[in-house]
Amino acid sequence: VQLQASGGGLVQAGGSLRLSCAASGRTISMHAMGWFRQAPGKEREFVAAINWSGGSTTYADSVKGRFTISRDNAKNTVYLQMNSLKPEDTAVYYCAADKRYIATTPGTTAGEYDYWGQGTLVTVSS
């Protein structure tokens, strides 16, 4: 499966962006999906994840209440709505797919994901 992340850009603190992750090559409807980010000089960190049906989501504490992950299986696409953005949200954001089928609980570590997109840069100015 190939993943294409888009929607990044430059936004002022307090603003919003919506990232999209479009999958091709195979359906992702039976797979958990996650968003991770990597800031300059830092390790990649978990942001949010959603199970195959959308019935279970989980978030990093740093984004809880501000970010929302969702999916449209008919469009083979996952989204990350980011509100109340802060300068510390600046990073390259990556989407990822778990190769397991119908996992009830989405993973929160990079090692649980098998397919990765190329990343989209989000820059939040103060």
PDB file of N, CA and C in Angstrom:
ATOM      1  N   VAL A   1       0.842  -1.178   0.000  1.00  0.00           N
ATOM      2  CA  VAL A   1       0.000   0.000   0.000  1.00  0.00           C
ATOM      3  C   VAL A   1       0.891   1.245   0.000  1.00  0.00           C
ATOM      4  N   GLN A   2       0.489   2.245  -0.781  1.00  0.00           N
ATOM      5  CA  GLN A   2       1.211   3.518  -0.814  1.00  0.00           C
ATOM      6  C   GLN A   2       0.360   4.580  -0.114  1.00  0.00           C
ATOM      7  N   LEU A   3       1.010   5.386   0.712  1.00  0.00           N
ATOM      8  CA  LEU A   3       0.316   6.420   1.476  1.00  0.00           C
ATOM      9  C   LEU A   3       0.845   7.787   1.063  1.00  0.00           C
ATOM     10  N   GLN A   4      -0.073   8.703   0.815  1.00  0.00           N
ATOM     11  CA  GLN A   4       0.290  10.054   0.398  1.00  0.00           C
ATOM     12  C   GLN A   4      -0.333  11.055   1.367  1.00  0.00           C
ATOM     13  N   ALA A   5       0.513  11.682   2.170  1.00  0.00           N
ATOM     14  CA  ALA A   5       0.038  12.691   3.117  1.00  0.00           C
ATOM     15  C   ALA A   5       0.056  14.062   2.462  1.00  0.00           C
ATOM     16  N   SER A   6      -0.941  14.864   2.802  1.00  0.00           N
ATOM     17  CA  SER A   6      -1.018  16.219   2.271  1.00  0.00           C
ATOM     18  C   SER A   6      -1.746  17.118   3.254  1.00  0.00           C
ATOM     19  N   GLY A   7      -1.730  18.416   2.970  1.00  0.00           N
ATOM     20  CA  GLY A   7      -2.463  19.362   3.800  1.00  0.00           C
ATOM     21  C   GLY A   7      -1.614  20.192   4.741  1.00  0.00           C
ATOM     22  N   GLY A   8      -0.329  19.918   4.792  1.00  0.00           N
ATOM     23  CA  GLY A   8       0.539  20.699   5.650  1.00  0.00           C
ATOM     24  C   GLY A   8       0.727  22.113   5.115  1.00  0.00           C
ATOM     25  N   GLY A   9       1.329  22.959   5.931  1.00  0.00           N
ATOM     26  CA  GLY A   9       1.579  24.327   5.520  1.00  0.00           C
ATOM     27  C   GLY A   9       1.976  25.187   6.687  1.00  0.00           C
ATOM     28  N   LEU A  10       1.970  26.484   6.449  1.00  0.00           N
ATOM     29  CA  LEU A  10       2.324  27.467   7.470  1.00  0.00           C
ATOM     30  C   LEU A  10       1.045  28.070   8.034  1.00  0.00           C
ATOM     31  N   VAL A  11       0.940  28.083   9.360  1.00  0.00           N
ATOM     32  CA  VAL A  11      -0.252  28.626  10.010  1.00  0.00           C
ATOM     33  C   VAL A  11       0.179  29.345  11.278  1.00  0.00           C
ATOM     34  N   GLN A  12      -0.587  30.350  11.652  1.00  0.00           N
ATOM     35  CA  GLN A  12      -0.293  31.058  12.891  1.00  0.00           C
ATOM     36  C   GLN A  12      -0.794  30.265  14.094  1.00  0.00           C
ATOM     37  N   ALA A  13      -0.182  30.502  15.224  1.00  0.00           N
ATOM     38  CA  ALA A  13      -0.626  29.860  16.456  1.00  0.00           C
ATOM     39  C   ALA A  13      -2.107  30.149  16.682  1.00  0.00           C
ATOM     40  N   GLY A  14      -2.820  29.120  17.080  1.00  0.00           N
ATOM     41  CA  GLY A  14      -4.256  29.226  17.271  1.00  0.00           C
ATOM     42  C   GLY A  14      -5.061  28.836  16.049  1.00  0.00           C
ATOM     43  N   GLY A  15      -4.392  28.671  14.930  1.00  0.00           N
ATOM     44  CA  GLY A  15      -5.075  28.313  13.702  1.00  0.00           C
ATOM     45  C   GLY A  15      -5.331  26.827  13.570  1.00  0.00           C
ATOM     46  N   SER A  16      -5.845  26.457  12.398  1.00  0.00           N
ATOM     47  CA  SER A  16      -6.230  25.060  12.141  1.00  0.00           C
ATOM     48  C   SER A  16      -5.699  24.594  10.796  1.00  0.00           C
ATOM     49  N   LEU A  17      -5.478  23.305  10.716  1.00  0.00           N
ATOM     50  CA  LEU A  17      -5.141  22.638   9.461  1.00  0.00           C
ATOM     51  C   LEU A  17      -5.794  21.273   9.469  1.00  0.00           C
ATOM     52  N   ARG A  18      -6.079  20.756   8.286  1.00  0.00           N
ATOM     53  CA  ARG A  18      -6.543  19.377   8.170  1.00  0.00           C
ATOM     54  C   ARG A  18      -5.601  18.622   7.261  1.00  0.00           C
ATOM     55  N   LEU A  19      -5.002  17.588   7.795  1.00  0.00           N
ATOM     56  CA  LEU A  19      -4.138  16.727   7.014  1.00  0.00           C
ATOM     57  C   LEU A  19      -4.942  15.563   6.446  1.00  0.00           C
ATOM     58  N   SER A  20      -4.560  15.138   5.268  1.00  0.00           N
ATOM     59  CA  SER A  20      -5.179  13.977   4.642  1.00  0.00           C
ATOM     60  C   SER A  20      -4.114  12.937   4.334  1.00  0.00           C
ATOM     61  N   CYS A  21      -4.509  11.699   4.371  1.00  0.00           N
ATOM     62  CA  CYS A  21      -3.615  10.592   4.016  1.00  0.00           C
ATOM     63  C   CYS A  21      -4.399   9.688   3.079  1.00  0.00           C
ATOM     64  N   ALA A  22      -4.059   9.747   1.810  1.00  0.00           N
ATOM     65  CA  ALA A  22      -4.745   8.950   0.800  1.00  0.00           C
ATOM     66  C   ALA A  22      -3.954   7.682   0.521  1.00  0.00           C
ATOM     67  N   ALA A  23      -4.631   6.559   0.561  1.00  0.00           N
ATOM     68  CA  ALA A  23      -3.985   5.277   0.307  1.00  0.00           C
ATOM     69  C   ALA A  23      -4.296   4.800  -1.097  1.00  0.00           C
ATOM     70  N   SER A  24      -3.333   4.115  -1.687  1.00  0.00           N
ATOM     71  CA  SER A  24      -3.520   3.526  -3.004  1.00  0.00           C
ATOM     72  C   SER A  24      -2.833   2.171  -3.033  1.00  0.00           C
ATOM     73  N   GLY A  25      -3.202   1.372  -3.979  1.00  0.00           N
ATOM     74  CA  GLY A  25      -2.586   0.060  -4.116  1.00  0.00           C
ATOM     75  C   GLY A  25      -3.396  -1.054  -3.478  1.00  0.00           C
ATOM     76  N   ARG A  26      -4.062  -0.722  -2.360  1.00  0.00           N
ATOM     77  CA  ARG A  26      -4.951  -1.662  -1.710  1.00  0.00           C
ATOM     78  C   ARG A  26      -5.855  -0.898  -0.763  1.00  0.00           C
ATOM     79  N   THR A  27      -6.924  -1.513  -0.372  1.00  0.00           N
ATOM     80  CA  THR A  27      -7.816  -0.855   0.562  1.00  0.00           C
ATOM     81  C   THR A  27      -7.221  -0.861   1.968  1.00  0.00           C
ATOM     82  N   ILE A  28      -7.468   0.209   2.700  1.00  0.00           N
ATOM     83  CA  ILE A  28      -7.036   0.280   4.091  1.00  0.00           C
ATOM     84  C   ILE A  28      -8.223   0.118   5.040  1.00  0.00           C
ATOM     85  N   SER A  29      -9.369  -0.251   4.517  1.00  0.00           N
ATOM     86  CA  SER A  29     -10.590  -0.277   5.319  1.00  0.00           C
ATOM     87  C   SER A  29     -10.545  -1.282   6.465  1.00  0.00           C
ATOM     88  N   MET A  30      -9.662  -2.267   6.385  1.00  0.00           N
ATOM     89  CA  MET A  30      -9.568  -3.281   7.427  1.00  0.00           C
ATOM     90  C   MET A  30      -8.352  -3.069   8.331  1.00  0.00           C
ATOM     91  N   HIS A  31      -7.711  -1.910   8.211  1.00  0.00           N
ATOM     92  CA  HIS A  31      -6.455  -1.690   8.907  1.00  0.00           C
ATOM     93  C   HIS A  31      -6.492  -0.443   9.782  1.00  0.00           C
ATOM     94  N   ALA A  32      -5.851  -0.543  10.939  1.00  0.00           N
ATOM     95  CA  ALA A  32      -5.673   0.638  11.775  1.00  0.00           C
ATOM     96  C   ALA A  32      -4.707   1.604  11.094  1.00  0.00           C
ATOM     97  N   MET A  33      -4.931   2.887  11.348  1.00  0.00           N
ATOM     98  CA  MET A  33      -4.092   3.930  10.765  1.00  0.00           C
ATOM     99  C   MET A  33      -3.611   4.870  11.871  1.00  0.00           C
ATOM    100  N   GLY A  34      -2.425   5.404  11.688  1.00  0.00           N
ATOM    101  CA  GLY A  34      -1.885   6.305  12.685  1.00  0.00           C
ATOM    102  C   GLY A  34      -1.229   7.520  12.072  1.00  0.00           C
ATOM    103  N   TRP A  35      -1.122   8.561  12.894  1.00  0.00           N
ATOM    104  CA  TRP A  35      -0.350   9.760  12.541  1.00  0.00           C
ATOM    105  C   TRP A  35       0.785   9.894  13.546  1.00  0.00           C
ATOM    106  N   PHE A  36       1.950  10.183  13.038  1.00  0.00           N
ATOM    107  CA  PHE A  36       3.134  10.447  13.851  1.00  0.00           C
ATOM    108  C   PHE A  36       3.737  11.759  13.379  1.00  0.00           C
ATOM    109  N   ARG A  37       4.623  12.324  14.179  1.00  0.00           N
ATOM    110  CA  ARG A  37       5.297  13.543  13.759  1.00  0.00           C
ATOM    111  C   ARG A  37       6.740  13.533  14.234  1.00  0.00           C
ATOM    112  N   GLN A  38       7.548  14.289  13.530  1.00  0.00           N
ATOM    113  CA  GLN A  38       8.959  14.398  13.890  1.00  0.00           C
ATOM    114  C   GLN A  38       9.391  15.842  13.730  1.00  0.00           C
ATOM    115  N   ALA A  39       9.752  16.444  14.849  1.00  0.00           N
ATOM    116  CA  ALA A  39      10.264  17.811  14.838  1.00  0.00           C
ATOM    117  C   ALA A  39      11.771  17.784  14.616  1.00  0.00           C
ATOM    118  N   PRO A  40      12.339  18.891  14.144  1.00  0.00           N
ATOM    119  CA  PRO A  40      13.794  18.931  13.898  1.00  0.00           C
ATOM    120  C   PRO A  40      14.578  18.579  15.153  1.00  0.00           C
ATOM    121  N   GLY A  41      15.501  17.640  15.008  1.00  0.00           N
ATOM    122  CA  GLY A  41      16.347  17.253  16.120  1.00  0.00           C
ATOM    123  C   GLY A  41      15.693  16.368  17.153  1.00  0.00           C
ATOM    124  N   LYS A  42      14.474  15.942  16.881  1.00  0.00           N
ATOM    125  CA  LYS A  42      13.756  15.091  17.835  1.00  0.00           C
ATOM    126  C   LYS A  42      13.370  13.771  17.201  1.00  0.00           C
ATOM    127  N   GLU A  43      13.029  12.814  18.043  1.00  0.00           N
ATOM    128  CA  GLU A  43      12.598  11.512  17.548  1.00  0.00           C
ATOM    129  C   GLU A  43      11.138  11.584  17.080  1.00  0.00           C
ATOM    130  N   ARG A  44      10.789  10.642  16.226  1.00  0.00           N
ATOM    131  CA  ARG A  44       9.409  10.546  15.774  1.00  0.00           C
ATOM    132  C   ARG A  44       8.519  10.183  16.952  1.00  0.00           C
ATOM    133  N   GLU A  45       7.375  10.853  17.051  1.00  0.00           N
ATOM    134  CA  GLU A  45       6.478  10.584  18.161  1.00  0.00           C
ATOM    135  C   GLU A  45       5.063  10.339  17.672  1.00  0.00           C
ATOM    136  N   PHE A  46       4.340   9.576  18.470  1.00  0.00           N
ATOM    137  CA  PHE A  46       2.952   9.255  18.177  1.00  0.00           C
ATOM    138  C   PHE A  46       2.071  10.485  18.348  1.00  0.00           C
ATOM    139  N   VAL A  47       1.084  10.631  17.458  1.00  0.00           N
ATOM    140  CA  VAL A  47       0.125  11.725  17.562  1.00  0.00           C
ATOM    141  C   VAL A  47      -1.291  11.188  17.785  1.00  0.00           C
ATOM    142  N   ALA A  48      -1.751  10.337  16.872  1.00  0.00           N
ATOM    143  CA  ALA A  48      -3.130   9.839  16.964  1.00  0.00           C
ATOM    144  C   ALA A  48      -3.253   8.564  16.149  1.00  0.00           C
ATOM    145  N   ALA A  49      -4.246   7.761  16.504  1.00  0.00           N
ATOM    146  CA  ALA A  49      -4.496   6.529  15.757  1.00  0.00           C
ATOM    147  C   ALA A  49      -5.968   6.186  15.780  1.00  0.00           C
ATOM    148  N   ILE A  50      -6.384   5.413  14.787  1.00  0.00           N
ATOM    149  CA  ILE A  50      -7.789   5.032  14.657  1.00  0.00           C
ATOM    150  C   ILE A  50      -7.854   3.582  14.191  1.00  0.00           C
ATOM    151  N   ASN A  51      -8.801   2.823  14.752  1.00  0.00           N
ATOM    152  CA  ASN A  51      -8.891   1.431  14.332  1.00  0.00           C
ATOM    153  C   ASN A  51      -9.603   1.334  12.983  1.00  0.00           C
ATOM    154  N   TRP A  52      -9.774   0.101  12.499  1.00  0.00           N
ATOM    155  CA  TRP A  52     -10.248  -0.103  11.145  1.00  0.00           C
ATOM    156  C   TRP A  52     -11.650   0.463  10.906  1.00  0.00           C
ATOM    157  N   SER A  53     -12.498   0.428  11.926  1.00  0.00           N
ATOM    158  CA  SER A  53     -13.881   0.861  11.747  1.00  0.00           C
ATOM    159  C   SER A  53     -14.093   2.321  12.114  1.00  0.00           C
ATOM    160  N   GLY A  54     -13.115   2.917  12.790  1.00  0.00           N
ATOM    161  CA  GLY A  54     -13.298   4.280  13.293  1.00  0.00           C
ATOM    162  C   GLY A  54     -13.917   4.312  14.671  1.00  0.00           C
ATOM    163  N   GLY A  55     -14.206   3.142  15.222  1.00  0.00           N
ATOM    164  CA  GLY A  55     -14.860   3.075  16.513  1.00  0.00           C
ATOM    165  C   GLY A  55     -13.940   3.256  17.701  1.00  0.00           C
ATOM    166  N   SER A  56     -12.653   3.222  17.456  1.00  0.00           N
ATOM    167  CA  SER A  56     -11.685   3.393  18.542  1.00  0.00           C
ATOM    168  C   SER A  56     -10.595   4.349  18.079  1.00  0.00           C
ATOM    169  N   THR A  57     -10.377   5.377  18.864  1.00  0.00           N
ATOM    170  CA  THR A  57      -9.321   6.340  18.572  1.00  0.00           C
ATOM    171  C   THR A  57      -8.491   6.563  19.826  1.00  0.00           C
ATOM    172  N   THR A  58      -7.260   6.978  19.635  1.00  0.00           N
ATOM    173  CA  THR A  58      -6.397   7.289  20.761  1.00  0.00           C
ATOM    174  C   THR A  58      -5.469   8.428  20.362  1.00  0.00           C
ATOM    175  N   TYR A  59      -5.097   9.244  21.368  1.00  0.00           N
ATOM    176  CA  TYR A  59      -4.315  10.446  21.106  1.00  0.00           C
ATOM    177  C   TYR A  59      -3.169  10.582  22.098  1.00  0.00           C
ATOM    178  N   ALA A  60      -2.123  11.233  21.650  1.00  0.00           N
ATOM    179  CA  ALA A  60      -1.072  11.637  22.574  1.00  0.00           C
ATOM    180  C   ALA A  60      -1.626  12.716  23.499  1.00  0.00           C
ATOM    181  N   ASP A  61      -1.162  12.741  24.717  1.00  0.00           N
ATOM    182  CA  ASP A  61      -1.651  13.724  25.676  1.00  0.00           C
ATOM    183  C   ASP A  61      -1.452  15.145  25.165  1.00  0.00           C
ATOM    184  N   SER A  62      -0.396  15.370  24.422  1.00  0.00           N
ATOM    185  CA  SER A  62      -0.057  16.719  23.969  1.00  0.00           C
ATOM    186  C   SER A  62      -1.048  17.279  22.959  1.00  0.00           C
ATOM    187  N   VAL A  63      -1.833  16.410  22.331  1.00  0.00           N
ATOM    188  CA  VAL A  63      -2.779  16.884  21.301  1.00  0.00           C
ATOM    189  C   VAL A  63      -4.228  16.597  21.668  1.00  0.00           C
ATOM    190  N   LYS A  64      -4.441  15.898  22.762  1.00  0.00           N
ATOM    191  CA  LYS A  64      -5.797  15.516  23.155  1.00  0.00           C
ATOM    192  C   LYS A  64      -6.657  16.756  23.351  1.00  0.00           C
ATOM    193  N   GLY A  65      -7.840  16.737  22.765  1.00  0.00           N
ATOM    194  CA  GLY A  65      -8.743  17.874  22.856  1.00  0.00           C
ATOM    195  C   GLY A  65      -8.546  18.908  21.767  1.00  0.00           C
ATOM    196  N   ARG A  66      -7.430  18.808  21.036  1.00  0.00           N
ATOM    197  CA  ARG A  66      -7.168  19.765  19.945  1.00  0.00           C
ATOM    198  C   ARG A  66      -7.180  19.098  18.572  1.00  0.00           C
ATOM    199  N   PHE A  67      -6.740  17.857  18.517  1.00  0.00           N
ATOM    200  CA  PHE A  67      -6.663  17.123  17.254  1.00  0.00           C
ATOM    201  C   PHE A  67      -7.749  16.046  17.212  1.00  0.00           C
ATOM    202  N   THR A  68      -8.223  15.767  16.003  1.00  0.00           N
ATOM    203  CA  THR A  68      -9.209  14.707  15.808  1.00  0.00           C
ATOM    204  C   THR A  68      -8.823  13.875  14.591  1.00  0.00           C
ATOM    205  N   ILE A  69      -8.715  12.574  14.795  1.00  0.00           N
ATOM    206  CA  ILE A  69      -8.441  11.667  13.689  1.00  0.00           C
ATOM    207  C   ILE A  69      -9.745  11.048  13.226  1.00  0.00           C
ATOM    208  N   SER A  70      -9.881  10.888  11.927  1.00  0.00           N
ATOM    209  CA  SER A  70     -11.081  10.274  11.367  1.00  0.00           C
ATOM    210  C   SER A  70     -10.696   9.556  10.080  1.00  0.00           C
ATOM    211  N   ARG A  71     -11.638   8.788   9.570  1.00  0.00           N
ATOM    212  CA  ARG A  71     -11.363   8.064   8.330  1.00  0.00           C
ATOM    213  C   ARG A  71     -12.619   7.961   7.489  1.00  0.00           C
ATOM    214  N   ASP A  72     -12.408   7.880   6.180  1.00  0.00           N
ATOM    215  CA  ASP A  72     -13.481   7.632   5.226  1.00  0.00           C
ATOM    216  C   ASP A  72     -13.044   6.424   4.414  1.00  0.00           C
ATOM    217  N   ASN A  73     -13.514   5.268   4.795  1.00  0.00           N
ATOM    218  CA  ASN A  73     -13.068   4.037   4.125  1.00  0.00           C
ATOM    219  C   ASN A  73     -13.517   3.983   2.675  1.00  0.00           C
ATOM    220  N   ALA A  74     -14.604   4.626   2.361  1.00  0.00           N
ATOM    221  CA  ALA A  74     -15.058   4.655   0.965  1.00  0.00           C
ATOM    222  C   ALA A  74     -14.074   5.418   0.082  1.00  0.00           C
ATOM    223  N   LYS A  75     -13.377   6.391   0.690  1.00  0.00           N
ATOM    224  CA  LYS A  75     -12.388   7.174  -0.049  1.00  0.00           C
ATOM    225  C   LYS A  75     -10.964   6.688   0.203  1.00  0.00           C
ATOM    226  N   ASN A  76     -10.850   5.645   1.040  1.00  0.00           N
ATOM    227  CA  ASN A  76      -9.513   5.101   1.342  1.00  0.00           C
ATOM    228  C   ASN A  76      -8.586   6.183   1.897  1.00  0.00           C
ATOM    229  N   THR A  77      -9.149   7.010   2.770  1.00  0.00           N
ATOM    230  CA  THR A  77      -8.439   8.194   3.249  1.00  0.00           C
ATOM    231  C   THR A  77      -8.631   8.351   4.757  1.00  0.00           C
ATOM    232  N   VAL A  78      -7.574   8.824   5.402  1.00  0.00           N
ATOM    233  CA  VAL A  78      -7.597   9.144   6.825  1.00  0.00           C
ATOM    234  C   VAL A  78      -7.270  10.621   6.980  1.00  0.00           C
ATOM    235  N   TYR A  79      -7.870  11.245   7.985  1.00  0.00           N
ATOM    236  CA  TYR A  79      -7.691  12.673   8.190  1.00  0.00           C
ATOM    237  C   TYR A  79      -7.175  12.955   9.595  1.00  0.00           C
ATOM    238  N   LEU A  80      -6.537  14.101   9.725  1.00  0.00           N
ATOM    239  CA  LEU A  80      -6.158  14.611  11.040  1.00  0.00           C
ATOM    240  C   LEU A  80      -6.528  16.091  11.071  1.00  0.00           C
ATOM    241  N   GLN A  81      -7.593  16.390  11.797  1.00  0.00           N
ATOM    242  CA  GLN A  81      -8.011  17.776  11.982  1.00  0.00           C
ATOM    243  C   GLN A  81      -7.247  18.347  13.170  1.00  0.00           C
ATOM    244  N   MET A  82      -6.527  19.428  12.927  1.00  0.00           N
ATOM    245  CA  MET A  82      -5.695  20.020  13.970  1.00  0.00           C
ATOM    246  C   MET A  82      -6.181  21.433  14.259  1.00  0.00           C
ATOM    247  N   ASN A  83      -6.655  21.648  15.460  1.00  0.00           N
ATOM    248  CA  ASN A  83      -7.144  22.952  15.889  1.00  0.00           C
ATOM    249  C   ASN A  83      -6.264  23.504  17.002  1.00  0.00           C
ATOM    250  N   SER A  84      -6.401  24.793  17.247  1.00  0.00           N
ATOM    251  CA  SER A  84      -5.644  25.454  18.328  1.00  0.00           C
ATOM    252  C   SER A  84      -4.168  25.104  18.242  1.00  0.00           C
ATOM    253  N   LEU A  85      -3.615  25.230  17.072  1.00  0.00           N
ATOM    254  CA  LEU A  85      -2.231  24.833  16.864  1.00  0.00           C
ATOM    255  C   LEU A  85      -1.272  25.708  17.653  1.00  0.00           C
ATOM    256  N   LYS A  86      -0.192  25.078  18.095  1.00  0.00           N
ATOM    257  CA  LYS A  86       0.835  25.733  18.884  1.00  0.00           C
ATOM    258  C   LYS A  86       2.179  25.633  18.160  1.00  0.00           C
ATOM    259  N   PRO A  87       3.107  26.528  18.432  1.00  0.00           N
ATOM    260  CA  PRO A  87       4.425  26.428  17.790  1.00  0.00           C
ATOM    261  C   PRO A  87       5.088  25.066  18.013  1.00  0.00           C
ATOM    262  N   GLU A  88       4.837  24.451  19.157  1.00  0.00           N
ATOM    263  CA  GLU A  88       5.443  23.142  19.432  1.00  0.00           C
ATOM    264  C   GLU A  88       4.824  22.008  18.611  1.00  0.00           C
ATOM    265  N   ASP A  89       3.771  22.302  17.847  1.00  0.00           N
ATOM    266  CA  ASP A  89       3.212  21.311  16.920  1.00  0.00           C
ATOM    267  C   ASP A  89       3.971  21.281  15.600  1.00  0.00           C
ATOM    268  N   THR A  90       4.910  22.199  15.422  1.00  0.00           N
ATOM    269  CA  THR A  90       5.697  22.239  14.196  1.00  0.00           C
ATOM    270  C   THR A  90       6.484  20.952  14.031  1.00  0.00           C
ATOM    271  N   ALA A  91       6.301  20.301  12.886  1.00  0.00           N
ATOM    272  CA  ALA A  91       6.944  19.003  12.633  1.00  0.00           C
ATOM    273  C   ALA A  91       6.562  18.527  11.240  1.00  0.00           C
ATOM    274  N   VAL A  92       7.248  17.488  10.812  1.00  0.00           N
ATOM    275  CA  VAL A  92       6.793  16.735   9.645  1.00  0.00           C
ATOM    276  C   VAL A  92       5.840  15.665  10.158  1.00  0.00           C
ATOM    277  N   TYR A  93       4.662  15.617   9.579  1.00  0.00           N
ATOM    278  CA  TYR A  93       3.636  14.672   9.995  1.00  0.00           C
ATOM    279  C   TYR A  93       3.576  13.507   9.008  1.00  0.00           C
ATOM    280  N   TYR A  94       3.576  12.307   9.558  1.00  0.00           N
ATOM    281  CA  TYR A  94       3.557  11.086   8.763  1.00  0.00           C
ATOM    282  C   TYR A  94       2.306  10.272   9.073  1.00  0.00           C
ATOM    283  N   CYS A  95       1.705   9.707   8.030  1.00  0.00           N
ATOM    284  CA  CYS A  95       0.644   8.733   8.276  1.00  0.00           C
ATOM    285  C   CYS A  95       1.220   7.336   8.070  1.00  0.00           C
ATOM    286  N   ALA A  96       0.595   6.382   8.729  1.00  0.00           N
ATOM    287  CA  ALA A  96       1.095   5.019   8.697  1.00  0.00           C
ATOM    288  C   ALA A  96      -0.059   4.037   8.780  1.00  0.00           C
ATOM    289  N   ALA A  97       0.152   2.851   8.210  1.00  0.00           N
ATOM    290  CA  ALA A  97      -0.863   1.800   8.204  1.00  0.00           C
ATOM    291  C   ALA A  97      -0.328   0.544   8.883  1.00  0.00           C
ATOM    292  N   ASP A  98      -1.186  -0.056   9.672  1.00  0.00           N
ATOM    293  CA  ASP A  98      -0.882  -1.318  10.349  1.00  0.00           C
ATOM    294  C   ASP A  98      -1.315  -2.453   9.429  1.00  0.00           C
ATOM    295  N   LYS A  99      -0.449  -3.434   9.166  1.00  0.00           N
ATOM    296  CA  LYS A  99      -0.800  -4.490   8.226  1.00  0.00           C
ATOM    297  C   LYS A  99      -1.757  -5.518   8.828  1.00  0.00           C
ATOM    298  N   ARG A 100      -1.952  -5.504  10.143  1.00  0.00           N
ATOM    299  CA  ARG A 100      -2.881  -6.460  10.752  1.00  0.00           C
ATOM    300  C   ARG A 100      -4.313  -6.140  10.316  1.00  0.00           C
ATOM    301  N   TYR A 101      -5.108  -7.180  10.171  1.00  0.00           N
ATOM    302  CA  TYR A 101      -6.502  -7.017   9.796  1.00  0.00           C
ATOM    303  C   TYR A 101      -7.386  -6.868  11.035  1.00  0.00           C
ATOM    304  N   ILE A 102      -8.258  -5.908  10.996  1.00  0.00           N
ATOM    305  CA  ILE A 102      -9.325  -5.729  11.976  1.00  0.00           C
ATOM    306  C   ILE A 102      -8.794  -5.752  13.414  1.00  0.00           C
ATOM    307  N   ALA A 103      -7.714  -5.030  13.644  1.00  0.00           N
ATOM    308  CA  ALA A 103      -7.225  -4.884  15.010  1.00  0.00           C
ATOM    309  C   ALA A 103      -8.191  -3.978  15.769  1.00  0.00           C
ATOM    310  N   THR A 104      -8.642  -4.428  16.922  1.00  0.00           N
ATOM    311  CA  THR A 104      -9.644  -3.669  17.664  1.00  0.00           C
ATOM    312  C   THR A 104      -9.077  -2.357  18.191  1.00  0.00           C
ATOM    313  N   THR A 105      -7.859  -2.442  18.725  1.00  0.00           N
ATOM    314  CA  THR A 105      -7.227  -1.264  19.334  1.00  0.00           C
ATOM    315  C   THR A 105      -6.066  -0.800  18.467  1.00  0.00           C
ATOM    316  N   PRO A 106      -6.053   0.457  18.052  1.00  0.00           N
ATOM    317  CA  PRO A 106      -4.955   0.929  17.205  1.00  0.00           C
ATOM    318  C   PRO A 106      -3.664   1.092  17.991  1.00  0.00           C
ATOM    319  N   GLY A 107      -2.543   0.825  17.345  1.00  0.00           N
ATOM    320  CA  GLY A 107      -1.259   0.922  18.014  1.00  0.00           C
ATOM    321  C   GLY A 107      -0.821   2.357  18.228  1.00  0.00           C
ATOM    322  N   THR A 108       0.076   2.542  19.181  1.00  0.00           N
ATOM    323  CA  THR A 108       0.584   3.875  19.498  1.00  0.00           C
ATOM    324  C   THR A 108       2.090   3.977  19.358  1.00  0.00           C
ATOM    325  N   THR A 109       2.729   2.935  18.868  1.00  0.00           N
ATOM    326  CA  THR A 109       4.172   2.986  18.667  1.00  0.00           C
ATOM    327  C   THR A 109       4.493   2.765  17.192  1.00  0.00           C
ATOM    328  N   ALA A 110       5.585   3.362  16.736  1.00  0.00           N
ATOM    329  CA  ALA A 110       5.949   3.290  15.328  1.00  0.00           C
ATOM    330  C   ALA A 110       6.170   1.851  14.879  1.00  0.00           C
ATOM    331  N   GLY A 111       6.664   1.011  15.774  1.00  0.00           N
ATOM    332  CA  GLY A 111       6.951  -0.369  15.420  1.00  0.00           C
ATOM    333  C   GLY A 111       5.725  -1.190  15.085  1.00  0.00           C
ATOM    334  N   GLU A 112       4.547  -0.688  15.445  1.00  0.00           N
ATOM    335  CA  GLU A 112       3.312  -1.411  15.160  1.00  0.00           C
ATOM    336  C   GLU A 112       2.761  -1.111  13.778  1.00  0.00           C
ATOM    337  N   TYR A 113       3.422  -0.214  13.052  1.00  0.00           N
ATOM    338  CA  TYR A 113       2.965   0.181  11.729  1.00  0.00           C
ATOM    339  C   TYR A 113       3.962  -0.267  10.666  1.00  0.00           C
ATOM    340  N   ASP A 114       3.419  -0.680   9.543  1.00  0.00           N
ATOM    341  CA  ASP A 114       4.229  -1.336   8.524  1.00  0.00           C
ATOM    342  C   ASP A 114       4.417  -0.503   7.257  1.00  0.00           C
ATOM    343  N   TYR A 115       3.498   0.391   6.996  1.00  0.00           N
ATOM    344  CA  TYR A 115       3.555   1.199   5.780  1.00  0.00           C
ATOM    345  C   TYR A 115       3.523   2.671   6.183  1.00  0.00           C
ATOM    346  N   TRP A 116       4.363   3.466   5.540  1.00  0.00           N
ATOM    347  CA  TRP A 116       4.518   4.871   5.898  1.00  0.00           C
ATOM    348  C   TRP A 116       4.428   5.762   4.666  1.00  0.00           C
ATOM    349  N   GLY A 117       3.806   6.927   4.853  1.00  0.00           N
ATOM    350  CA  GLY A 117       3.795   7.935   3.816  1.00  0.00           C
ATOM    351  C   GLY A 117       5.055   8.778   3.876  1.00  0.00           C
ATOM    352  N   GLN A 118       5.144   9.741   2.989  1.00  0.00           N
ATOM    353  CA  GLN A 118       6.371  10.523   2.854  1.00  0.00           C
ATOM    354  C   GLN A 118       6.429  11.711   3.809  1.00  0.00           C
ATOM    355  N   GLY A 119       5.321  12.055   4.419  1.00  0.00           N
ATOM    356  CA  GLY A 119       5.317  13.164   5.367  1.00  0.00           C
ATOM    357  C   GLY A 119       4.892  14.480   4.741  1.00  0.00           C
ATOM    358  N   THR A 120       4.275  15.321   5.571  1.00  0.00           N
ATOM    359  CA  THR A 120       3.884  16.666   5.159  1.00  0.00           C
ATOM    360  C   THR A 120       4.273  17.625   6.277  1.00  0.00           C
ATOM    361  N   LEU A 121       4.865  18.754   5.904  1.00  0.00           N
ATOM    362  CA  LEU A 121       5.413  19.682   6.891  1.00  0.00           C
ATOM    363  C   LEU A 121       4.346  20.628   7.404  1.00  0.00           C
ATOM    364  N   VAL A 122       4.250  20.721   8.718  1.00  0.00           N
ATOM    365  CA  VAL A 122       3.377  21.675   9.388  1.00  0.00           C
ATOM    366  C   VAL A 122       4.262  22.650  10.163  1.00  0.00           C
ATOM    367  N   THR A 123       4.099  23.928   9.885  1.00  0.00           N
ATOM    368  CA  THR A 123       4.865  24.962  10.579  1.00  0.00           C
ATOM    369  C   THR A 123       3.891  25.921  11.247  1.00  0.00           C
ATOM    370  N   VAL A 124       4.015  26.069  12.551  1.00  0.00           N
ATOM    371  CA  VAL A 124       3.137  26.947  13.313  1.00  0.00           C
ATOM    372  C   VAL A 124       3.967  28.116  13.827  1.00  0.00           C
ATOM    373  N   SER A 125       3.609  29.308  13.398  1.00  0.00           N
ATOM    374  CA  SER A 125       4.360  30.492  13.817  1.00  0.00           C
ATOM    375  C   SER A 125       3.717  31.117  15.050  1.00  0.00           C
ATOM    376  N   SER A 126       4.548  31.714  15.876  1.00  0.00           N
ATOM    377  CA  SER A 126       4.045  32.332  17.115  1.00  0.00           C
ATOM    378  C   SER A 126       3.630  33.769  16.899  1.00  0.00           C
TER     379      SER A 126
END
